[in-house]
């Protein structure tokens, strides 16, 4: 496979995963608009934007001011994450970039995959956000989630398990590892900070991560912070746990570069093993989760930095390697 094509598949996977991440966070926030206190909603917007790595919106902390503010401006805050083409984390931007990468891959893509991706992009590009908001604020992001999951199913059903599929999936799970780590770090540092006006519940974090139902089958109650954090980090059955993402990354790298998985290990394989070891650090430890006074410390911050390093190593090893050296395999 050409390095350029591998990069396009990889980035298409990252952008599609990023679009769903933004939609899931928005779905959580918009479904709470009706019966949630204004100060809690305002704090939720701060956490949402921080989890996306965007500038924190200027939301009032006072409950009365927040209520007045949110009546008009929840629409604006949501619009920036749905239809703002200048925001690289908006659903429209991510879908557009995924389509642009896929457009370069038409010879490798089954027709059904391209058609599903293109229809989804045309829908989000032409949707009337104001009209959709008037009908139901959360309906638009729910439909976006459904369309992205339909696309994931079409990819799973039509694409052969070759390097094209592996690079696409690798992009998805590298993005998932980074975004989920950022969410856990933000929820612990900002959403549950001691000086926060309100403290967001752990059950909401589980619902955003689509883990609440499985968690309740495994445990009776949310008594302490250690239980939900450990569940979202280490559970091997949960698709959005950090352990699940790291295991999938290791498997995909082994398929792309079998020799790199044997001694001497290739740099991406070594970093994947390091990530697997870091996941085993107890997230219930205050030092592991990070603190409001030292947001750069702890296992979550380390995982996030190592996830970015893994991305750089993948690019350097399989995409931007010197031509005279060729692929290691």
Protein backbone atom coordinates (compact mmCIF):
# COMPACT_ATOMS: atom_id res chain seq x y z
CA UNK A 1 0.00 0.00 0.00
CA UNK A 2 1.21 3.50 -0.81
CA UNK A 3 2.16 5.54 2.25
CA UNK A 4 -0.14 8.31 1.02
CA UNK A 5 -3.09 5.91 0.88
CA UNK A 6 -2.25 4.53 4.33
CA UNK A 7 -2.24 8.08 5.71
CA UNK A 8 -5.60 8.85 4.09
CA UNK A 9 -7.19 5.73 5.58
CA UNK A 10 -5.69 6.50 8.98
CA UNK A 11 -6.92 10.09 9.02
CA UNK A 12 -10.36 9.15 7.70
CA UNK A 13 -10.71 6.82 10.69
CA UNK A 14 -9.57 9.54 13.09
CA UNK A 15 -11.98 12.15 11.71
CA UNK A 16 -14.98 9.80 11.79
CA UNK A 17 -14.25 8.84 15.39
CA UNK A 18 -13.79 12.51 16.28
CA UNK A 19 -17.15 13.41 14.73
CA UNK A 20 -18.92 10.77 16.81
CA UNK A 21 -17.08 11.90 19.95
CA UNK A 22 -18.33 15.47 19.47
CA UNK A 23 -21.87 14.24 18.77
CA UNK A 24 -21.95 12.06 21.90
CA UNK A 25 -20.78 14.94 24.11
CA UNK A 26 -23.37 17.24 22.57
CA UNK A 27 -26.11 14.64 22.98
CA UNK A 28 -25.32 14.44 26.71
CA UNK A 29 -25.47 18.22 27.11
CA UNK A 30 -28.53 18.89 24.95
CA UNK A 31 -30.72 16.20 26.52
CA UNK A 32 -30.22 17.97 29.87
CA UNK A 33 -31.46 21.39 28.73
CA UNK A 34 -35.02 20.92 29.97
CA UNK A 35 -34.77 19.83 33.60
CA UNK A 36 -31.19 20.56 34.72
CA UNK A 37 -30.31 23.56 36.95
CA UNK A 38 -28.73 26.41 35.03
CA UNK A 39 -25.48 26.43 37.00
CA UNK A 40 -24.98 22.71 36.34
CA UNK A 41 -25.69 23.21 32.64
CA UNK A 42 -23.18 26.06 32.51
CA UNK A 43 -20.55 23.88 34.17
CA UNK A 44 -21.38 21.11 31.71
CA UNK A 45 -20.56 23.43 28.78
CA UNK A 46 -17.19 24.23 30.39
CA UNK A 47 -16.38 20.53 30.74
CA UNK A 48 -17.58 19.73 27.21
CA UNK A 49 -15.42 22.41 25.59
CA UNK A 50 -12.42 21.48 27.77
CA UNK A 51 -12.77 17.81 26.80
CA UNK A 52 -12.64 18.86 23.15
CA UNK A 53 -9.52 20.91 23.78
CA UNK A 54 -11.31 24.12 22.80
CA UNK A 55 -11.30 27.44 24.63
CA UNK A 56 -13.66 27.41 27.60
CA UNK A 57 -16.77 29.49 26.78
CA UNK A 58 -17.44 32.55 28.92
CA UNK A 59 -20.36 31.06 30.86
CA UNK A 60 -21.54 32.81 34.05
CA UNK A 61 -20.98 30.93 37.30
CA UNK A 62 -23.88 32.54 39.15
CA UNK A 63 -27.05 30.46 38.86
CA UNK A 64 -29.37 33.38 38.03
CA UNK A 65 -27.03 34.82 35.42
CA UNK A 66 -26.43 31.37 33.96
CA UNK A 67 -30.15 30.77 33.52
CA UNK A 68 -30.59 34.03 31.60
CA UNK A 69 -27.49 33.33 29.53
CA UNK A 70 -28.35 29.75 28.60
CA UNK A 71 -31.83 30.51 27.31
CA UNK A 72 -30.35 32.28 24.29
CA UNK A 73 -26.79 31.06 24.03
CA UNK A 74 -27.09 27.27 24.30
CA UNK A 75 -28.01 27.47 20.61
CA UNK A 76 -24.77 29.31 19.83
CA UNK A 77 -22.62 26.98 21.93
CA UNK A 78 -24.11 23.93 20.21
CA UNK A 79 -23.91 25.50 16.75
CA UNK A 80 -20.15 25.96 17.07
CA UNK A 81 -19.81 22.20 17.51
CA UNK A 82 -22.26 21.19 14.77
CA UNK A 83 -22.12 23.47 11.73
CA UNK A 84 -19.15 25.79 12.26
CA UNK A 85 -16.79 24.98 9.41
CA UNK A 86 -13.99 27.03 11.01
CA UNK A 87 -14.00 24.82 14.14
CA UNK A 88 -11.88 21.70 13.42
CA UNK A 89 -13.79 19.73 16.07
CA UNK A 90 -17.27 20.47 14.73
CA UNK A 91 -19.26 17.57 13.30
CA UNK A 92 -19.37 19.24 9.87
CA UNK A 93 -15.60 19.83 9.79
CA UNK A 94 -14.73 16.28 10.86
CA UNK A 95 -17.16 14.73 8.37
CA UNK A 96 -15.84 16.97 5.61
CA UNK A 97 -12.21 16.02 6.31
CA UNK A 98 -13.08 12.32 6.47
CA UNK A 99 -14.82 12.61 3.10
CA UNK A 100 -11.85 14.46 1.61
CA UNK A 101 -9.51 11.68 2.71
CA UNK A 102 -11.90 9.02 1.42
CA UNK A 103 -12.20 10.82 -1.93
CA UNK A 104 -8.52 10.06 -2.53
CA UNK A 105 -9.17 6.36 -1.83
CA UNK A 106 -11.91 5.51 -4.30
CA UNK A 107 -9.93 2.62 -5.88
CA UNK A 108 -9.57 0.99 -2.44
CA UNK A 109 -13.04 1.70 -1.05
CA UNK A 110 -16.09 -0.50 -1.74
CA UNK A 111 -18.84 1.51 -3.41
CA UNK A 112 -21.19 1.03 -0.46
CA UNK A 113 -18.69 2.55 1.97
CA UNK A 114 -18.13 5.63 -0.18
CA UNK A 115 -21.86 6.07 -0.81
CA UNK A 116 -22.72 5.89 2.89
CA UNK A 117 -19.96 8.33 3.83
CA UNK A 118 -20.86 10.76 1.05
CA UNK A 119 -24.59 10.71 1.87
CA UNK A 120 -23.81 11.46 5.51
CA UNK A 121 -21.64 14.41 4.52
CA UNK A 122 -24.25 15.83 2.14
CA UNK A 123 -26.86 15.53 4.90
CA UNK A 124 -24.80 17.38 7.54
CA UNK A 125 -23.72 20.00 4.99
CA UNK A 126 -27.26 20.82 3.88
CA UNK A 127 -29.11 20.41 7.18
CA UNK A 128 -31.00 23.46 8.49
CA UNK A 129 -29.58 23.70 12.00
CA UNK A 130 -32.04 26.40 13.11
CA UNK A 131 -35.06 24.36 12.00
CA UNK A 132 -33.68 21.20 13.56
CA UNK A 133 -33.06 23.06 16.82
CA UNK A 134 -36.64 24.31 16.81
CA UNK A 135 -37.98 20.77 16.56
CA UNK A 136 -35.65 19.20 19.13
CA UNK A 137 -32.16 20.34 20.17
CA UNK A 138 -30.83 16.79 20.51
CA UNK A 139 -32.51 15.24 17.44
CA UNK A 140 -29.82 16.45 15.02
CA UNK A 141 -26.87 15.01 16.96
CA UNK A 142 -28.74 11.74 17.53
CA UNK A 143 -29.23 11.39 13.78
CA UNK A 144 -25.54 12.19 13.24
CA UNK A 145 -24.61 9.41 15.69
CA UNK A 146 -26.94 6.97 13.90
CA UNK A 147 -25.45 7.81 10.50
CA UNK A 148 -21.88 7.43 11.78
CA UNK A 149 -22.70 4.06 13.31
CA UNK A 150 -24.39 2.98 10.09
CA UNK A 151 -21.17 3.87 8.27
CA UNK A 152 -19.14 1.85 10.80
CA UNK A 153 -21.42 -1.13 10.13
CA UNK A 154 -21.05 -0.78 6.36
CA UNK A 155 -17.26 -0.63 6.74
CA UNK A 156 -17.33 -3.72 8.93
CA UNK A 157 -19.52 -5.61 6.48
CA UNK A 158 -17.91 -4.64 3.15
CA UNK A 159 -14.21 -3.94 3.61
CA UNK A 160 -11.72 -6.83 3.37
CA UNK A 161 -9.40 -7.25 6.35
CA UNK A 162 -6.34 -5.94 4.55
CA UNK A 163 -3.99 -3.08 5.37
CA UNK A 164 -6.52 -0.52 4.13
CA UNK A 165 -9.00 -1.67 6.78
CA UNK A 166 -6.25 -1.93 9.41
CA UNK A 167 -5.10 1.66 8.90
CA UNK A 168 -8.70 2.90 8.98
CA UNK A 169 -9.34 1.05 12.25
CA UNK A 170 -5.97 2.12 13.66
CA UNK A 171 -6.93 5.75 13.14
CA UNK A 172 -10.25 5.17 14.90
CA UNK A 173 -8.72 3.59 17.98
CA UNK A 174 -5.79 5.99 18.29
CA UNK A 175 -8.34 8.81 18.21
CA UNK A 176 -10.56 6.96 20.70
CA UNK A 177 -7.67 6.42 23.09
CA UNK A 178 -6.71 10.09 23.03
CA UNK A 179 -10.24 11.50 23.23
CA UNK A 180 -11.38 9.13 25.98
CA UNK A 181 -8.24 9.85 28.02
CA UNK A 182 -8.86 13.58 27.62
CA UNK A 183 -12.46 13.15 28.73
CA UNK A 184 -11.49 11.20 31.86
CA UNK A 185 -8.80 13.74 32.73
CA UNK A 186 -11.16 16.69 32.18
CA UNK A 187 -14.02 15.11 34.13
CA UNK A 188 -11.73 14.48 37.10
CA UNK A 189 -9.87 17.80 36.99
CA UNK A 190 -12.65 20.19 35.93
CA UNK A 191 -16.01 18.45 36.26
CA UNK A 192 -15.30 17.18 39.78
CA UNK A 193 -12.97 19.94 40.97
CA UNK A 194 -13.29 20.94 44.63
CA UNK A 195 -13.71 24.62 43.71
CA UNK A 196 -16.27 23.98 40.95
CA UNK A 197 -19.75 25.55 41.41
CA UNK A 198 -21.27 22.08 40.98
CA UNK A 199 -19.77 18.60 40.62
CA UNK A 200 -20.89 16.52 37.67
CA UNK A 201 -21.97 12.98 38.65
CA UNK A 202 -19.98 9.87 37.75
CA UNK A 203 -23.11 8.32 36.27
CA UNK A 204 -23.10 11.00 33.54
CA UNK A 205 -19.51 10.13 32.65
CA UNK A 206 -20.54 6.49 32.28
CA UNK A 207 -23.49 7.45 30.07
CA UNK A 208 -21.29 9.59 27.79
CA UNK A 209 -18.95 6.61 27.47
CA UNK A 210 -21.91 4.29 26.77
CA UNK A 211 -20.92 2.23 29.79
CA UNK A 212 -23.74 2.86 32.26
CA UNK A 213 -25.82 -0.24 31.48
CA UNK A 214 -22.80 -2.56 31.57
CA UNK A 215 -21.55 -0.94 34.78
CA UNK A 216 -24.88 -1.47 36.54
CA UNK A 217 -24.85 -5.13 35.53
CA UNK A 218 -21.43 -5.49 37.11
CA UNK A 219 -21.87 -3.26 40.19
CA UNK A 220 -24.82 -2.26 42.34
CA UNK A 221 -24.10 1.43 42.95
CA UNK A 222 -21.77 4.36 42.30
CA UNK A 223 -20.36 4.71 45.79
CA UNK A 224 -16.83 5.94 45.15
CA UNK A 225 -14.89 7.57 42.32
CA UNK A 226 -12.49 4.63 42.09
CA UNK A 227 -15.11 2.23 40.73
CA UNK A 228 -16.30 4.13 37.61
CA UNK A 229 -12.79 5.35 36.75
CA UNK A 230 -11.29 1.87 37.01
CA UNK A 231 -14.21 0.50 34.97
CA UNK A 232 -13.65 3.02 32.15
CA UNK A 233 -9.91 2.42 32.17
CA UNK A 234 -9.49 -1.34 32.56
CA UNK A 235 -12.65 -3.18 31.57
CA UNK A 236 -11.68 -5.41 28.60
CA UNK A 237 -15.30 -5.83 27.43
CA UNK A 238 -16.15 -2.12 27.16
CA UNK A 239 -15.53 -0.74 23.63
CA UNK A 240 -14.67 2.70 24.99
CA UNK A 241 -12.39 1.63 27.80
CA UNK A 242 -8.73 2.56 27.52
CA UNK A 243 -7.65 -1.08 27.79
CA UNK A 244 -9.94 -2.07 24.90
CA UNK A 245 -8.48 0.70 22.70
CA UNK A 246 -4.87 -0.18 23.54
CA UNK A 247 -5.48 -3.88 22.86
CA UNK A 248 -7.02 -3.09 19.45
CA UNK A 249 -4.09 -0.81 18.60
CA UNK A 250 -1.59 -3.57 19.45
CA UNK A 251 -3.52 -6.08 17.32
CA UNK A 252 -3.78 -3.73 14.33
CA UNK A 253 -0.09 -2.79 14.48
CA UNK A 254 0.76 -6.50 14.54
CA UNK A 255 -1.25 -7.00 11.34
CA UNK A 256 0.28 -3.98 9.60
CA UNK A 257 3.88 -4.73 10.60
CA UNK A 258 4.31 -8.36 11.79
CA UNK A 259 8.10 -8.08 11.98
CA UNK A 260 7.81 -4.96 14.10
CA UNK A 261 5.90 -6.96 16.71
CA UNK A 262 8.95 -9.22 17.22
CA UNK A 263 12.27 -8.34 18.74
CA UNK A 264 13.66 -5.79 18.09
CA UNK A 265 10.29 -4.09 18.45
CA UNK A 266 9.42 -1.26 16.09
CA UNK A 267 8.89 2.12 17.78
CA UNK A 268 5.05 2.12 17.50
CA UNK A 269 4.89 -1.37 19.01
CA UNK A 270 7.11 -0.32 21.93
CA UNK A 271 4.88 2.69 22.61
CA UNK A 272 1.74 0.53 22.45
CA UNK A 273 3.24 -1.78 25.09
CA UNK A 274 4.08 1.24 27.23
CA UNK A 275 0.52 2.48 26.93
CA UNK A 276 -0.75 -0.93 28.02
CA UNK A 277 1.44 -0.75 31.12
CA UNK A 278 0.30 2.81 31.93
CA UNK A 279 -3.35 1.73 31.71
CA UNK A 280 -2.68 -0.59 34.64
CA UNK A 281 -1.85 2.36 36.93
CA UNK A 282 -4.59 2.76 39.52
CA UNK A 283 -6.74 5.74 38.34
CA UNK A 284 -8.33 5.97 41.80
CA UNK A 285 -5.02 7.33 43.11
CA UNK A 286 -5.13 11.14 43.27
CA UNK A 287 -1.66 11.24 41.74
CA UNK A 288 -2.82 9.01 38.88
CA UNK A 289 -5.91 11.08 38.07
CA UNK A 290 -4.25 14.47 38.36
CA UNK A 291 -5.39 17.35 40.52
CA UNK A 292 -6.88 20.77 39.92
CA UNK A 293 -3.62 22.36 41.11
CA UNK A 294 -1.45 20.26 38.83
CA UNK A 295 -3.42 19.39 35.68
CA UNK A 296 -0.33 18.14 33.87
CA UNK A 297 0.40 15.38 36.36
CA UNK A 298 -0.98 11.90 36.71
CA UNK A 299 -1.65 8.81 34.63
CA UNK A 300 -4.34 10.40 32.45
CA UNK A 301 -2.06 13.27 31.43
CA UNK A 302 0.75 10.78 30.79
CA UNK A 303 -1.54 8.57 28.72
CA UNK A 304 -2.64 11.52 26.64
CA UNK A 305 0.95 12.58 25.92
CA UNK A 306 1.94 9.00 25.10
CA UNK A 307 -1.07 8.70 22.80
CA UNK A 308 0.13 11.73 20.84
CA UNK A 309 3.63 10.25 20.75
CA UNK A 310 2.18 7.00 19.38
CA UNK A 311 0.51 8.97 16.58
CA UNK A 312 3.80 10.66 15.72
CA UNK A 313 5.62 7.32 15.69
CA UNK A 314 3.00 5.76 13.40
CA UNK A 315 3.39 8.65 10.97
CA UNK A 316 7.20 8.52 11.09
CA UNK A 317 7.40 4.73 10.70
CA UNK A 318 4.69 3.95 8.14
CA UNK A 319 3.98 7.22 6.31
CA UNK A 320 6.89 9.68 6.35
CA UNK A 321 9.80 7.24 6.37
CA UNK A 322 12.80 8.06 4.08
CA UNK A 323 12.24 6.71 0.58
CA UNK A 324 15.67 5.10 0.39
CA UNK A 325 14.96 3.04 3.52
CA UNK A 326 11.55 1.69 2.55
CA UNK A 327 9.15 -0.04 4.89
CA UNK A 328 10.71 -2.11 7.67
CA UNK A 329 8.86 -5.19 6.36
